[in-house]
Amino acid sequence: MPRLDKYSKQRIERLKELCVKHPDYLMQDLAEKMGIDVSDVYIIIKSYNLPYHWKIARHRC
């Protein structure tokens, strides 16, 4: 899948929605739900300043 498709407005909005509805999801969980790589989830979250809860992800075992 081309990188441009991964960063489409629909994907960004879907990821934002998941971040808001499921604040306890790790990036791996989000990547699985979105069907994209974890690295792409990280890039989208950082680039578009999405509401991801970094502290929860760091301390969850």
PDB file of N, CA and C in Angstrom:
ATOM      1  N   MET A   1       0.847  -1.183   0.000  1.00  0.00           N
ATOM      2  CA  MET A   1       0.000   0.000   0.000  1.00  0.00           C
ATOM      3  C   MET A   1       0.891   1.245   0.000  1.00  0.00           C
ATOM      4  N   PRO A   2       0.653   2.180  -0.908  1.00  0.00           N
ATOM      5  CA  PRO A   2       1.470   3.396  -0.937  1.00  0.00           C
ATOM      6  C   PRO A   2       1.326   4.208   0.343  1.00  0.00           C
ATOM      7  N   ARG A   3       2.405   4.866   0.705  1.00  0.00           N
ATOM      8  CA  ARG A   3       2.436   5.657   1.929  1.00  0.00           C
ATOM      9  C   ARG A   3       1.363   6.760   1.915  1.00  0.00           C
ATOM     10  N   LEU A   4       1.073   7.319   0.748  1.00  0.00           N
ATOM     11  CA  LEU A   4       0.065   8.379   0.666  1.00  0.00           C
ATOM     12  C   LEU A   4      -1.297   7.895   1.135  1.00  0.00           C
ATOM     13  N   ASP A   5      -1.636   6.642   0.833  1.00  0.00           N
ATOM     14  CA  ASP A   5      -2.911   6.088   1.275  1.00  0.00           C
ATOM     15  C   ASP A   5      -2.956   5.962   2.794  1.00  0.00           C
ATOM     16  N   LYS A   6      -1.823   5.646   3.399  1.00  0.00           N
ATOM     17  CA  LYS A   6      -1.767   5.472   4.848  1.00  0.00           C
ATOM     18  C   LYS A   6      -2.011   6.780   5.577  1.00  0.00           C
ATOM     19  N   TYR A   7      -1.656   7.885   4.961  1.00  0.00           N
ATOM     20  CA  TYR A   7      -1.787   9.181   5.611  1.00  0.00           C
ATOM     21  C   TYR A   7      -2.993   9.963   5.097  1.00  0.00           C
ATOM     22  N   SER A   8      -3.943   9.280   4.508  1.00  0.00           N
ATOM     23  CA  SER A   8      -5.130   9.962   4.015  1.00  0.00           C
ATOM     24  C   SER A   8      -5.923  10.547   5.188  1.00  0.00           C
ATOM     25  N   LYS A   9      -6.741  11.510   4.864  1.00  0.00           N
ATOM     26  CA  LYS A   9      -7.538  12.176   5.899  1.00  0.00           C
ATOM     27  C   LYS A   9      -8.425  11.181   6.643  1.00  0.00           C
ATOM     28  N   GLN A  10      -8.974  10.206   5.939  1.00  0.00           N
ATOM     29  CA  GLN A  10      -9.831   9.199   6.565  1.00  0.00           C
ATOM     30  C   GLN A  10      -9.060   8.379   7.586  1.00  0.00           C
ATOM     31  N   ARG A  11      -7.853   7.978   7.242  1.00  0.00           N
ATOM     32  CA  ARG A  11      -7.038   7.189   8.172  1.00  0.00           C
ATOM     33  C   ARG A  11      -6.663   8.009   9.401  1.00  0.00           C
ATOM     34  N   ILE A  12      -6.324   9.260   9.188  1.00  0.00           N
ATOM     35  CA  ILE A  12      -5.960  10.130  10.308  1.00  0.00           C
ATOM     36  C   ILE A  12      -7.152  10.306  11.237  1.00  0.00           C
ATOM     37  N   GLU A  13      -8.325  10.543  10.670  1.00  0.00           N
ATOM     38  CA  GLU A  13      -9.528  10.705  11.486  1.00  0.00           C
ATOM     39  C   GLU A  13      -9.883   9.411  12.220  1.00  0.00           C
ATOM     40  N   ARG A  14      -9.715   8.276  11.565  1.00  0.00           N
ATOM     41  CA  ARG A  14      -9.999   6.981  12.200  1.00  0.00           C
ATOM     42  C   ARG A  14      -9.049   6.731  13.364  1.00  0.00           C
ATOM     43  N   LEU A  15      -7.777   7.051  13.168  1.00  0.00           N
ATOM     44  CA  LEU A  15      -6.797   6.878  14.235  1.00  0.00           C
ATOM     45  C   LEU A  15      -7.096   7.821  15.398  1.00  0.00           C
ATOM     46  N   LYS A  16      -7.471   9.035  15.081  1.00  0.00           N
ATOM     47  CA  LYS A  16      -7.836   9.996  16.127  1.00  0.00           C
ATOM     48  C   LYS A  16      -9.027   9.474  16.931  1.00  0.00           C
ATOM     49  N   GLU A  17     -10.014   8.946  16.233  1.00  0.00           N
ATOM     50  CA  GLU A  17     -11.207   8.392  16.883  1.00  0.00           C
ATOM     51  C   GLU A  17     -10.828   7.232  17.821  1.00  0.00           C
ATOM     52  N   LEU A  18      -9.959   6.351  17.359  1.00  0.00           N
ATOM     53  CA  LEU A  18      -9.512   5.239  18.198  1.00  0.00           C
ATOM     54  C   LEU A  18      -8.751   5.727  19.428  1.00  0.00           C
ATOM     55  N   CYS A  19      -7.916   6.740  19.246  1.00  0.00           N
ATOM     56  CA  CYS A  19      -7.152   7.296  20.373  1.00  0.00           C
ATOM     57  C   CYS A  19      -8.075   7.878  21.439  1.00  0.00           C
ATOM     58  N   VAL A  20      -9.150   8.510  21.012  1.00  0.00           N
ATOM     59  CA  VAL A  20     -10.094   9.128  21.947  1.00  0.00           C
ATOM     60  C   VAL A  20     -10.961   8.059  22.628  1.00  0.00           C
ATOM     61  N   LYS A  21     -11.473   7.120  21.853  1.00  0.00           N
ATOM     62  CA  LYS A  21     -12.370   6.110  22.407  1.00  0.00           C
ATOM     63  C   LYS A  21     -11.656   5.052  23.238  1.00  0.00           C
ATOM     64  N   HIS A  22     -10.404   4.782  22.921  1.00  0.00           N
ATOM     65  CA  HIS A  22      -9.643   3.727  23.598  1.00  0.00           C
ATOM     66  C   HIS A  22      -8.289   4.268  24.061  1.00  0.00           C
ATOM     67  N   PRO A  23      -8.273   5.111  25.065  1.00  0.00           N
ATOM     68  CA  PRO A  23      -7.012   5.732  25.496  1.00  0.00           C
ATOM     69  C   PRO A  23      -5.998   4.742  26.056  1.00  0.00           C
ATOM     70  N   ASP A  24      -6.445   3.547  26.416  1.00  0.00           N
ATOM     71  CA  ASP A  24      -5.524   2.559  26.981  1.00  0.00           C
ATOM     72  C   ASP A  24      -4.871   1.675  25.922  1.00  0.00           C
ATOM     73  N   TYR A  25      -5.229   1.841  24.646  1.00  0.00           N
ATOM     74  CA  TYR A  25      -4.620   1.032  23.582  1.00  0.00           C
ATOM     75  C   TYR A  25      -3.150   1.396  23.413  1.00  0.00           C
ATOM     76  N   LEU A  26      -2.323   0.381  23.243  1.00  0.00           N
ATOM     77  CA  LEU A  26      -0.932   0.594  22.884  1.00  0.00           C
ATOM     78  C   LEU A  26      -0.861   0.860  21.386  1.00  0.00           C
ATOM     79  N   MET A  27       0.277   1.353  20.926  1.00  0.00           N
ATOM     80  CA  MET A  27       0.426   1.606  19.491  1.00  0.00           C
ATOM     81  C   MET A  27       0.273   0.320  18.688  1.00  0.00           C
ATOM     82  N   GLN A  28       0.678  -0.802  19.261  1.00  0.00           N
ATOM     83  CA  GLN A  28       0.515  -2.081  18.572  1.00  0.00           C
ATOM     84  C   GLN A  28      -0.968  -2.394  18.363  1.00  0.00           C
ATOM     85  N   ASP A  29      -1.782  -2.090  19.377  1.00  0.00           N
ATOM     86  CA  ASP A  29      -3.229  -2.309  19.258  1.00  0.00           C
ATOM     87  C   ASP A  29      -3.823  -1.414  18.172  1.00  0.00           C
ATOM     88  N   LEU A  30      -3.410  -0.152  18.171  1.00  0.00           N
ATOM     89  CA  LEU A  30      -3.910   0.786  17.169  1.00  0.00           C
ATOM     90  C   LEU A  30      -3.495   0.350  15.769  1.00  0.00           C
ATOM     91  N   ALA A  31      -2.260  -0.092  15.624  1.00  0.00           N
ATOM     92  CA  ALA A  31      -1.770  -0.533  14.321  1.00  0.00           C
ATOM     93  C   ALA A  31      -2.571  -1.730  13.821  1.00  0.00           C
ATOM     94  N   GLU A  32      -2.879  -2.650  14.736  1.00  0.00           N
ATOM     95  CA  GLU A  32      -3.660  -3.825  14.363  1.00  0.00           C
ATOM     96  C   GLU A  32      -5.063  -3.425  13.906  1.00  0.00           C
ATOM     97  N   LYS A  33      -5.691  -2.543  14.649  1.00  0.00           N
ATOM     98  CA  LYS A  33      -7.046  -2.084  14.292  1.00  0.00           C
ATOM     99  C   LYS A  33      -7.057  -1.334  12.962  1.00  0.00           C
ATOM    100  N   MET A  34      -5.990  -0.561  12.710  1.00  0.00           N
ATOM    101  CA  MET A  34      -5.913   0.242  11.494  1.00  0.00           C
ATOM    102  C   MET A  34      -5.403  -0.553  10.294  1.00  0.00           C
ATOM    103  N   GLY A  35      -4.714  -1.654  10.542  1.00  0.00           N
ATOM    104  CA  GLY A  35      -4.141  -2.432   9.458  1.00  0.00           C
ATOM    105  C   GLY A  35      -2.895  -1.804   8.857  1.00  0.00           C
ATOM    106  N   ILE A  36      -2.143  -1.056   9.683  1.00  0.00           N
ATOM    107  CA  ILE A  36      -0.914  -0.417   9.227  1.00  0.00           C
ATOM    108  C   ILE A  36       0.214  -0.750  10.198  1.00  0.00           C
ATOM    109  N   ASP A  37       1.435  -0.385   9.839  1.00  0.00           N
ATOM    110  CA  ASP A  37       2.601  -0.644  10.676  1.00  0.00           C
ATOM    111  C   ASP A  37       2.602   0.252  11.918  1.00  0.00           C
ATOM    112  N   VAL A  38       3.229  -0.246  12.980  1.00  0.00           N
ATOM    113  CA  VAL A  38       3.350   0.527  14.219  1.00  0.00           C
ATOM    114  C   VAL A  38       4.124   1.821  13.958  1.00  0.00           C
ATOM    115  N   SER A  39       5.143   1.756  13.114  1.00  0.00           N
ATOM    116  CA  SER A  39       5.928   2.960  12.811  1.00  0.00           C
ATOM    117  C   SER A  39       5.060   4.030  12.153  1.00  0.00           C
ATOM    118  N   ASP A  40       4.112   3.620  11.316  1.00  0.00           N
ATOM    119  CA  ASP A  40       3.211   4.577  10.681  1.00  0.00           C
ATOM    120  C   ASP A  40       2.249   5.191  11.701  1.00  0.00           C
ATOM    121  N   VAL A  41       1.795   4.384  12.653  1.00  0.00           N
ATOM    122  CA  VAL A  41       0.933   4.906  13.723  1.00  0.00           C
ATOM    123  C   VAL A  41       1.683   5.984  14.497  1.00  0.00           C
ATOM    124  N   TYR A  42       2.933   5.695  14.854  1.00  0.00           N
ATOM    125  CA  TYR A  42       3.753   6.652  15.589  1.00  0.00           C
ATOM    126  C   TYR A  42       3.919   7.947  14.795  1.00  0.00           C
ATOM    127  N   ILE A  43       4.244   7.824  13.517  1.00  0.00           N
ATOM    128  CA  ILE A  43       4.453   9.009  12.677  1.00  0.00           C
ATOM    129  C   ILE A  43       3.182   9.844  12.572  1.00  0.00           C
ATOM    130  N   ILE A  44       2.044   9.187  12.373  1.00  0.00           N
ATOM    131  CA  ILE A  44       0.778   9.925  12.263  1.00  0.00           C
ATOM    132  C   ILE A  44       0.444  10.625  13.575  1.00  0.00           C
ATOM    133  N   ILE A  45       0.612   9.923  14.698  1.00  0.00           N
ATOM    134  CA  ILE A  45       0.311  10.521  16.000  1.00  0.00           C
ATOM    135  C   ILE A  45       1.190  11.752  16.239  1.00  0.00           C
ATOM    136  N   LYS A  46       2.480  11.623  15.971  1.00  0.00           N
ATOM    137  CA  LYS A  46       3.405  12.745  16.170  1.00  0.00           C
ATOM    138  C   LYS A  46       3.137  13.874  15.189  1.00  0.00           C
ATOM    139  N   SER A  47       2.967  13.554  13.925  1.00  0.00           N
ATOM    140  CA  SER A  47       2.810  14.571  12.881  1.00  0.00           C
ATOM    141  C   SER A  47       1.525  15.370  13.009  1.00  0.00           C
ATOM    142  N   TYR A  48       0.458  14.707  13.420  1.00  0.00           N
ATOM    143  CA  TYR A  48      -0.842  15.358  13.477  1.00  0.00           C
ATOM    144  C   TYR A  48      -1.284  15.647  14.903  1.00  0.00           C
ATOM    145  N   ASN A  49      -0.368  15.463  15.858  1.00  0.00           N
ATOM    146  CA  ASN A  49      -0.625  15.801  17.262  1.00  0.00           C
ATOM    147  C   ASN A  49      -1.925  15.170  17.773  1.00  0.00           C
ATOM    148  N   LEU A  50      -2.073  13.879  17.528  1.00  0.00           N
ATOM    149  CA  LEU A  50      -3.279  13.178  17.951  1.00  0.00           C
ATOM    150  C   LEU A  50      -3.257  12.923  19.456  1.00  0.00           C
ATOM    151  N   PRO A  51      -4.424  12.764  20.067  1.00  0.00           N
ATOM    152  CA  PRO A  51      -4.528  12.628  21.532  1.00  0.00           C
ATOM    153  C   PRO A  51      -4.162  11.236  22.036  1.00  0.00           C
ATOM    154  N   TYR A  52      -2.908  10.854  21.850  1.00  0.00           N
ATOM    155  CA  TYR A  52      -2.447   9.550  22.325  1.00  0.00           C
ATOM    156  C   TYR A  52      -1.820   9.717  23.705  1.00  0.00           C
ATOM    157  N   HIS A  53      -2.115   8.804  24.599  1.00  0.00           N
ATOM    158  CA  HIS A  53      -1.649   8.918  25.977  1.00  0.00           C
ATOM    159  C   HIS A  53      -0.328   8.176  26.149  1.00  0.00           C
ATOM    160  N   TRP A  54       0.766   8.889  25.941  1.00  0.00           N
ATOM    161  CA  TRP A  54       2.115   8.309  25.963  1.00  0.00           C
ATOM    162  C   TRP A  54       2.436   7.643  27.293  1.00  0.00           C
ATOM    163  N   LYS A  55       2.046   8.221  28.393  1.00  0.00           N
ATOM    164  CA  LYS A  55       2.405   7.692  29.708  1.00  0.00           C
ATOM    165  C   LYS A  55       1.785   6.325  29.945  1.00  0.00           C
ATOM    166  N   ILE A  56       0.566   6.129  29.531  1.00  0.00           N
ATOM    167  CA  ILE A  56      -0.090   4.831  29.710  1.00  0.00           C
ATOM    168  C   ILE A  56       0.670   3.772  28.930  1.00  0.00           C
ATOM    169  N   ALA A  57       1.052   4.073  27.714  1.00  0.00           N
ATOM    170  CA  ALA A  57       1.734   3.105  26.857  1.00  0.00           C
ATOM    171  C   ALA A  57       3.111   2.748  27.413  1.00  0.00           C
ATOM    172  N   ARG A  58       3.802   3.689  28.003  1.00  0.00           N
ATOM    173  CA  ARG A  58       5.136   3.436  28.523  1.00  0.00           C
ATOM    174  C   ARG A  58       5.124   2.535  29.741  1.00  0.00           C
ATOM    175  N   HIS A  59       4.122   2.670  30.588  1.00  0.00           N
ATOM    176  CA  HIS A  59       4.115   1.975  31.863  1.00  0.00           C
ATOM    177  C   HIS A  59       3.278   0.708  31.886  1.00  0.00           C
ATOM    178  N   ARG A  60       2.598   0.413  30.818  1.00  0.00           N
ATOM    179  CA  ARG A  60       1.765  -0.784  30.761  1.00  0.00           C
ATOM    180  C   ARG A  60       2.636  -1.994  30.424  1.00  0.00           C
ATOM    181  N   CYS A  61       2.429  -3.075  31.135  1.00  0.00           N
ATOM    182  CA  CYS A  61       3.242  -4.285  30.902  1.00  0.00           C
ATOM    183  C   CYS A  61       2.591  -5.207  29.912  1.00  0.00           C
TER     184      CYS A  61
END
